[in-house]
Amino acid sequence: MGRMHDLKIKRVYEPYDETDGYRILIDRLWPRGISKEKAHLNEWNKDVTPSPALRKWFSHDPKLFAGFKQAYEMELKDNIHVIWFIEHIETLLKEENVTLLYGAKSPTCNHAMILKEWIETHRESRE
């Protein structure tokens, strides 16, 4: 049994790197000012992103992050696509690294961190 590869998050605007492995954009909207070529996507998944209402309410305000995290986790809990997404990522991680890509400016105040943590927690609880 080989070791599992890494699940990472990264801004879609950062340069592509081979160590990114399989790249999944997890934003509902296409990030401004980046071409399809530059994005180097393997997949674009809109099904596991925060709802438009939640995204608009949050609008990347650090003061609202704790409330946003709680609300997004509730959405993830009720989202039927998330179970499939976690299994999909587990399958990919057997072969290569997986990088979740997001467009937000802040590396500490974005939904990708929450999603990554959610996936890791729920992978461990299923093992």
N, C-alpha and C. Protein backbone atom coordinates (compact mmCIF):
# COMPACT_ATOMS: atom_id res chain seq x y z
N MET A 1 0.85 -1.20 0.00
CA MET A 1 0.00 0.00 0.00
C MET A 1 0.89 1.25 0.00
N GLY A 2 0.84 2.01 -1.07
CA GLY A 2 1.65 3.23 -1.16
C GLY A 2 1.07 4.32 -0.28
N ARG A 3 1.86 5.32 0.01
CA ARG A 3 1.35 6.39 0.86
C ARG A 3 0.35 7.25 0.08
N MET A 4 -0.58 7.82 0.80
CA MET A 4 -1.54 8.71 0.17
C MET A 4 -0.83 10.00 -0.22
N HIS A 5 -1.29 10.60 -1.26
CA HIS A 5 -0.73 11.88 -1.68
C HIS A 5 -1.39 13.01 -0.89
N ASP A 6 -0.97 14.24 -1.17
CA ASP A 6 -1.43 15.39 -0.38
C ASP A 6 -2.63 16.08 -1.01
N LEU A 7 -3.51 16.54 -0.12
CA LEU A 7 -4.61 17.41 -0.52
C LEU A 7 -4.18 18.82 -0.16
N LYS A 8 -4.18 19.71 -1.15
CA LYS A 8 -3.68 21.06 -0.94
C LYS A 8 -4.71 22.09 -1.41
N ILE A 9 -4.53 23.31 -0.96
CA ILE A 9 -5.33 24.41 -1.51
C ILE A 9 -4.38 25.49 -2.01
N LYS A 10 -4.85 26.24 -2.99
CA LYS A 10 -3.99 27.23 -3.63
C LYS A 10 -4.85 28.23 -4.37
N ARG A 11 -4.40 29.47 -4.41
CA ARG A 11 -5.09 30.47 -5.24
C ARG A 11 -4.89 30.10 -6.70
N VAL A 12 -5.94 30.21 -7.47
CA VAL A 12 -5.87 29.86 -8.89
C VAL A 12 -4.91 30.80 -9.64
N TYR A 13 -4.64 31.98 -9.07
CA TYR A 13 -3.74 32.95 -9.71
C TYR A 13 -2.27 32.62 -9.50
N GLU A 14 -1.96 31.75 -8.55
CA GLU A 14 -0.56 31.36 -8.36
C GLU A 14 -0.13 30.48 -9.52
N PRO A 15 1.17 30.52 -9.86
CA PRO A 15 1.62 29.75 -11.03
C PRO A 15 1.37 28.25 -10.88
N TYR A 16 1.05 27.63 -11.98
CA TYR A 16 0.88 26.18 -12.03
C TYR A 16 2.18 25.50 -11.65
N ASP A 17 2.08 24.40 -10.92
CA ASP A 17 3.26 23.65 -10.54
C ASP A 17 2.93 22.16 -10.71
N GLU A 18 3.88 21.38 -11.18
CA GLU A 18 3.62 19.95 -11.40
C GLU A 18 3.22 19.24 -10.11
N THR A 19 3.73 19.73 -8.97
CA THR A 19 3.40 19.08 -7.69
C THR A 19 1.94 19.32 -7.28
N ASP A 20 1.24 20.21 -7.99
CA ASP A 20 -0.18 20.42 -7.71
C ASP A 20 -0.98 19.14 -7.96
N GLY A 21 -0.51 18.34 -8.90
CA GLY A 21 -1.25 17.13 -9.26
C GLY A 21 -2.55 17.49 -9.97
N TYR A 22 -3.64 16.89 -9.52
CA TYR A 22 -4.96 17.06 -10.12
C TYR A 22 -5.56 18.35 -9.58
N ARG A 23 -5.91 19.27 -10.47
CA ARG A 23 -6.35 20.61 -10.05
C ARG A 23 -7.86 20.78 -10.23
N ILE A 24 -8.53 21.12 -9.12
CA ILE A 24 -9.98 21.30 -9.14
C ILE A 24 -10.34 22.72 -8.71
N LEU A 25 -10.99 23.45 -9.60
CA LEU A 25 -11.50 24.78 -9.23
C LEU A 25 -12.78 24.58 -8.43
N ILE A 26 -12.83 25.16 -7.23
CA ILE A 26 -14.00 24.99 -6.37
C ILE A 26 -14.70 26.33 -6.14
N ASP A 27 -14.72 27.18 -7.15
CA ASP A 27 -15.48 28.42 -7.10
C ASP A 27 -16.69 28.29 -8.02
N ARG A 28 -17.79 28.93 -7.65
CA ARG A 28 -18.99 28.89 -8.48
C ARG A 28 -18.82 29.77 -9.72
N LEU A 29 -18.07 30.86 -9.54
CA LEU A 29 -17.86 31.80 -10.65
C LEU A 29 -16.44 31.64 -11.17
N TRP A 30 -16.27 31.82 -12.48
CA TRP A 30 -14.93 31.75 -13.05
C TRP A 30 -14.11 32.93 -12.52
N PRO A 31 -12.87 32.68 -12.04
CA PRO A 31 -12.06 33.78 -11.50
C PRO A 31 -11.69 34.79 -12.57
N ARG A 32 -11.84 36.06 -12.21
CA ARG A 32 -11.59 37.16 -13.16
C ARG A 32 -10.17 37.19 -13.66
N GLY A 33 -10.05 37.47 -14.95
CA GLY A 33 -8.74 37.76 -15.52
C GLY A 33 -7.79 36.58 -15.64
N ILE A 34 -8.30 35.36 -15.64
CA ILE A 34 -7.40 34.22 -15.83
C ILE A 34 -7.93 33.38 -16.98
N SER A 35 -7.03 32.99 -17.86
CA SER A 35 -7.45 32.20 -19.02
C SER A 35 -7.58 30.74 -18.64
N LYS A 36 -8.33 30.00 -19.46
CA LYS A 36 -8.48 28.55 -19.26
C LYS A 36 -7.10 27.87 -19.27
N GLU A 37 -6.23 28.32 -20.17
CA GLU A 37 -4.88 27.73 -20.29
C GLU A 37 -4.10 27.94 -19.00
N LYS A 38 -4.13 29.17 -18.51
CA LYS A 38 -3.35 29.50 -17.31
C LYS A 38 -3.87 28.79 -16.08
N ALA A 39 -5.17 28.52 -16.06
CA ALA A 39 -5.78 27.89 -14.88
C ALA A 39 -5.37 26.42 -14.75
N HIS A 40 -5.02 25.79 -15.88
CA HIS A 40 -4.56 24.38 -15.85
C HIS A 40 -5.51 23.48 -15.08
N LEU A 41 -6.80 23.58 -15.35
CA LEU A 41 -7.76 22.79 -14.57
C LEU A 41 -7.90 21.38 -15.10
N ASN A 42 -8.09 20.45 -14.16
CA ASN A 42 -8.54 19.10 -14.52
C ASN A 42 -10.05 19.03 -14.37
N GLU A 43 -10.58 19.90 -13.53
CA GLU A 43 -12.01 19.82 -13.21
C GLU A 43 -12.46 21.14 -12.60
N TRP A 44 -13.73 21.44 -12.81
CA TRP A 44 -14.34 22.61 -12.18
C TRP A 44 -15.58 22.09 -11.47
N ASN A 45 -15.61 22.17 -10.15
CA ASN A 45 -16.74 21.64 -9.40
C ASN A 45 -17.48 22.76 -8.69
N LYS A 46 -18.70 23.03 -9.14
CA LYS A 46 -19.50 24.10 -8.53
C LYS A 46 -20.44 23.56 -7.46
N ASP A 47 -20.54 22.22 -7.38
CA ASP A 47 -21.54 21.60 -6.50
C ASP A 47 -21.16 21.64 -5.03
N VAL A 48 -19.89 21.89 -4.72
CA VAL A 48 -19.46 21.85 -3.32
C VAL A 48 -19.11 23.26 -2.80
N THR A 49 -19.49 24.27 -3.58
CA THR A 49 -19.17 25.64 -3.20
C THR A 49 -20.27 26.21 -2.29
N PRO A 50 -19.96 27.29 -1.57
CA PRO A 50 -21.02 27.93 -0.76
C PRO A 50 -22.16 28.41 -1.66
N SER A 51 -23.38 28.43 -1.14
CA SER A 51 -24.52 28.91 -1.92
C SER A 51 -24.30 30.38 -2.28
N PRO A 52 -24.90 30.83 -3.40
CA PRO A 52 -24.76 32.25 -3.77
C PRO A 52 -25.18 33.20 -2.64
N ALA A 53 -26.26 32.87 -1.95
CA ALA A 53 -26.72 33.76 -0.86
C ALA A 53 -25.67 33.86 0.24
N LEU A 54 -25.09 32.73 0.59
CA LEU A 54 -24.07 32.71 1.64
C LEU A 54 -22.82 33.47 1.17
N ARG A 55 -22.42 33.25 -0.06
CA ARG A 55 -21.23 33.91 -0.60
C ARG A 55 -21.42 35.43 -0.59
N LYS A 56 -22.61 35.89 -1.01
CA LYS A 56 -22.86 37.34 -1.05
C LYS A 56 -22.87 37.93 0.36
N TRP A 57 -23.46 37.20 1.30
CA TRP A 57 -23.51 37.69 2.68
C TRP A 57 -22.11 37.83 3.24
N PHE A 58 -21.29 36.83 3.02
CA PHE A 58 -19.92 36.81 3.56
C PHE A 58 -19.05 37.88 2.91
N SER A 59 -19.11 37.94 1.59
CA SER A 59 -18.29 38.85 0.76
C SER A 59 -16.86 39.04 1.29
N HIS A 60 -16.27 37.94 1.74
CA HIS A 60 -14.87 37.87 2.21
C HIS A 60 -14.52 38.88 3.30
N ASP A 61 -15.47 39.13 4.19
CA ASP A 61 -15.22 40.00 5.33
C ASP A 61 -14.68 39.14 6.48
N PRO A 62 -13.41 39.37 6.87
CA PRO A 62 -12.81 38.54 7.94
C PRO A 62 -13.63 38.52 9.22
N LYS A 63 -14.35 39.61 9.50
CA LYS A 63 -15.16 39.66 10.73
C LYS A 63 -16.31 38.66 10.68
N LEU A 64 -16.73 38.29 9.47
CA LEU A 64 -17.85 37.35 9.31
C LEU A 64 -17.38 35.92 9.12
N PHE A 65 -16.06 35.70 9.14
CA PHE A 65 -15.54 34.37 8.78
C PHE A 65 -16.06 33.24 9.67
N ALA A 66 -16.10 33.47 10.97
CA ALA A 66 -16.55 32.41 11.88
C ALA A 66 -18.00 32.01 11.58
N GLY A 67 -18.85 33.01 11.36
CA GLY A 67 -20.25 32.75 11.01
C GLY A 67 -20.37 32.08 9.66
N PHE A 68 -19.53 32.52 8.73
CA PHE A 68 -19.52 31.93 7.39
C PHE A 68 -19.12 30.46 7.46
N LYS A 69 -18.09 30.17 8.24
CA LYS A 69 -17.59 28.79 8.37
C LYS A 69 -18.70 27.88 8.90
N GLN A 70 -19.39 28.36 9.92
CA GLN A 70 -20.48 27.60 10.52
C GLN A 70 -21.60 27.34 9.50
N ALA A 71 -21.98 28.38 8.78
CA ALA A 71 -23.06 28.27 7.81
C ALA A 71 -22.66 27.36 6.64
N TYR A 72 -21.42 27.50 6.18
CA TYR A 72 -20.94 26.68 5.06
C TYR A 72 -20.85 25.20 5.47
N GLU A 73 -20.43 24.96 6.71
CA GLU A 73 -20.37 23.57 7.20
C GLU A 73 -21.78 22.95 7.27
N MET A 74 -22.77 23.77 7.61
CA MET A 74 -24.16 23.28 7.60
C MET A 74 -24.57 22.92 6.17
N GLU A 75 -24.18 23.76 5.23
CA GLU A 75 -24.50 23.47 3.82
C GLU A 75 -23.81 22.18 3.37
N LEU A 76 -22.55 22.02 3.76
CA LEU A 76 -21.80 20.81 3.36
C LEU A 76 -22.47 19.56 3.93
N LYS A 77 -22.95 19.67 5.16
CA LYS A 77 -23.58 18.54 5.83
C LYS A 77 -24.82 18.07 5.07
N ASP A 78 -25.54 19.03 4.49
CA ASP A 78 -26.79 18.72 3.79
C ASP A 78 -26.62 18.56 2.28
N ASN A 79 -25.38 18.66 1.81
CA ASN A 79 -25.13 18.65 0.36
C ASN A 79 -24.84 17.22 -0.11
N ILE A 80 -25.73 16.68 -0.93
CA ILE A 80 -25.57 15.29 -1.38
C ILE A 80 -24.32 15.10 -2.25
N HIS A 81 -23.86 16.18 -2.87
CA HIS A 81 -22.69 16.07 -3.75
C HIS A 81 -21.39 15.87 -2.97
N VAL A 82 -21.38 16.27 -1.71
CA VAL A 82 -20.15 16.27 -0.93
C VAL A 82 -19.63 14.85 -0.68
N ILE A 83 -20.52 13.91 -0.44
CA ILE A 83 -20.10 12.52 -0.19
C ILE A 83 -19.38 11.98 -1.43
N TRP A 84 -19.98 12.23 -2.58
CA TRP A 84 -19.34 11.80 -3.84
C TRP A 84 -17.98 12.50 -3.99
N PHE A 85 -17.95 13.77 -3.70
CA PHE A 85 -16.73 14.56 -3.88
C PHE A 85 -15.59 14.01 -3.00
N ILE A 86 -15.90 13.66 -1.76
CA ILE A 86 -14.89 13.11 -0.85
C ILE A 86 -14.36 11.78 -1.41
N GLU A 87 -15.25 10.93 -1.88
CA GLU A 87 -14.83 9.65 -2.46
C GLU A 87 -13.97 9.86 -3.70
N HIS A 88 -14.38 10.81 -4.51
CA HIS A 88 -13.66 11.17 -5.74
C HIS A 88 -12.23 11.61 -5.38
N ILE A 89 -12.10 12.45 -4.37
CA ILE A 89 -10.79 12.93 -3.94
C ILE A 89 -9.95 11.79 -3.37
N GLU A 90 -10.56 10.93 -2.59
CA GLU A 90 -9.81 9.78 -2.06
C GLU A 90 -9.24 8.92 -3.18
N THR A 91 -10.03 8.69 -4.22
CA THR A 91 -9.57 7.90 -5.37
C THR A 91 -8.39 8.60 -6.05
N LEU A 92 -8.52 9.91 -6.26
CA LEU A 92 -7.45 10.68 -6.91
C LEU A 92 -6.17 10.67 -6.07
N LEU A 93 -6.31 10.78 -4.75
CA LEU A 93 -5.15 10.86 -3.87
C LEU A 93 -4.33 9.57 -3.85
N LYS A 94 -4.92 8.48 -4.30
CA LYS A 94 -4.15 7.23 -4.39
C LYS A 94 -3.11 7.34 -5.50
N GLU A 95 -3.38 8.20 -6.49
CA GLU A 95 -2.50 8.33 -7.66
C GLU A 95 -1.60 9.56 -7.61
N GLU A 96 -2.11 10.65 -7.08
CA GLU A 96 -1.37 11.92 -7.16
C GLU A 96 -1.89 12.92 -6.13
N ASN A 97 -1.17 14.04 -6.00
CA ASN A 97 -1.65 15.13 -5.17
C ASN A 97 -2.93 15.70 -5.78
N VAL A 98 -3.74 16.32 -4.95
CA VAL A 98 -4.93 17.02 -5.43
C VAL A 98 -4.87 18.44 -4.86
N THR A 99 -5.09 19.42 -5.72
CA THR A 99 -5.09 20.82 -5.28
C THR A 99 -6.45 21.44 -5.56
N LEU A 100 -7.06 21.96 -4.48
CA LEU A 100 -8.32 22.69 -4.60
C LEU A 100 -7.98 24.15 -4.87
N LEU A 101 -8.51 24.69 -5.95
CA LEU A 101 -8.18 26.05 -6.35
C LEU A 101 -9.32 27.01 -6.07
N TYR A 102 -8.97 28.19 -5.58
CA TYR A 102 -9.97 29.21 -5.27
C TYR A 102 -9.48 30.56 -5.77
N GLY A 103 -10.42 31.49 -5.95
CA GLY A 103 -10.06 32.80 -6.48
C GLY A 103 -9.90 33.89 -5.44
N ALA A 104 -10.38 33.66 -4.22
CA ALA A 104 -10.36 34.70 -3.18
C ALA A 104 -8.95 35.23 -2.95
N LYS A 105 -8.86 36.49 -2.54
CA LYS A 105 -7.54 37.10 -2.31
C LYS A 105 -6.88 36.56 -1.05
N SER A 106 -7.68 36.34 0.00
CA SER A 106 -7.08 36.00 1.29
C SER A 106 -6.76 34.52 1.42
N PRO A 107 -5.52 34.20 1.83
CA PRO A 107 -5.16 32.80 2.05
C PRO A 107 -5.71 32.25 3.36
N THR A 108 -6.24 33.13 4.23
CA THR A 108 -6.72 32.66 5.54
C THR A 108 -8.21 32.87 5.72
N CYS A 109 -8.87 33.43 4.73
CA CYS A 109 -10.28 33.79 4.87
C CYS A 109 -11.01 33.38 3.59
N ASN A 110 -11.14 32.07 3.37
CA ASN A 110 -11.77 31.60 2.15
C ASN A 110 -12.44 30.24 2.37
N HIS A 111 -13.33 29.87 1.49
CA HIS A 111 -14.08 28.62 1.69
C HIS A 111 -13.25 27.37 1.38
N ALA A 112 -12.14 27.53 0.63
CA ALA A 112 -11.30 26.37 0.29
C ALA A 112 -10.72 25.73 1.55
N MET A 113 -10.31 26.57 2.51
CA MET A 113 -9.77 26.05 3.78
C MET A 113 -10.81 25.21 4.51
N ILE A 114 -12.03 25.72 4.51
CA ILE A 114 -13.12 25.04 5.22
C ILE A 114 -13.43 23.71 4.54
N LEU A 115 -13.47 23.73 3.20
CA LEU A 115 -13.76 22.52 2.45
C LEU A 115 -12.67 21.47 2.63
N LYS A 116 -11.42 21.92 2.61
CA LYS A 116 -10.28 21.00 2.79
C LYS A 116 -10.37 20.32 4.17
N GLU A 117 -10.63 21.13 5.19
CA GLU A 117 -10.73 20.61 6.55
C GLU A 117 -11.91 19.62 6.65
N TRP A 118 -13.02 19.96 6.00
CA TRP A 118 -14.20 19.11 6.01
C TRP A 118 -13.88 17.75 5.37
N ILE A 119 -13.21 17.79 4.22
CA ILE A 119 -12.84 16.55 3.52
C ILE A 119 -11.92 15.71 4.40
N GLU A 120 -10.92 16.35 5.00
CA GLU A 120 -9.97 15.60 5.84
C GLU A 120 -10.66 14.97 7.04
N THR A 121 -11.53 15.72 7.71
CA THR A 121 -12.25 15.21 8.87
C THR A 121 -13.13 14.02 8.47
N HIS A 122 -13.83 14.17 7.36
CA HIS A 122 -14.78 13.13 6.96
C HIS A 122 -14.10 11.92 6.32
N ARG A 123 -12.91 12.12 5.81
CA ARG A 123 -12.13 10.95 5.31
C ARG A 123 -11.71 10.11 6.50
N GLU A 124 -11.19 10.80 7.54
CA GLU A 124 -10.70 10.08 8.72
C GLU A 124 -11.83 9.32 9.41
N SER A 125 -13.01 9.93 9.48
CA SER A 125 -14.11 9.29 10.19
C SER A 125 -14.64 8.07 9.44
N ARG A 126 -14.34 7.97 8.16
CA ARG A 126 -14.84 6.82 7.38
C ARG A 126 -13.84 5.68 7.34
N GLU A 127 -12.58 5.95 7.66
CA GLU A 127 -11.53 4.92 7.54
C GLU A 127 -11.70 3.82 8.58
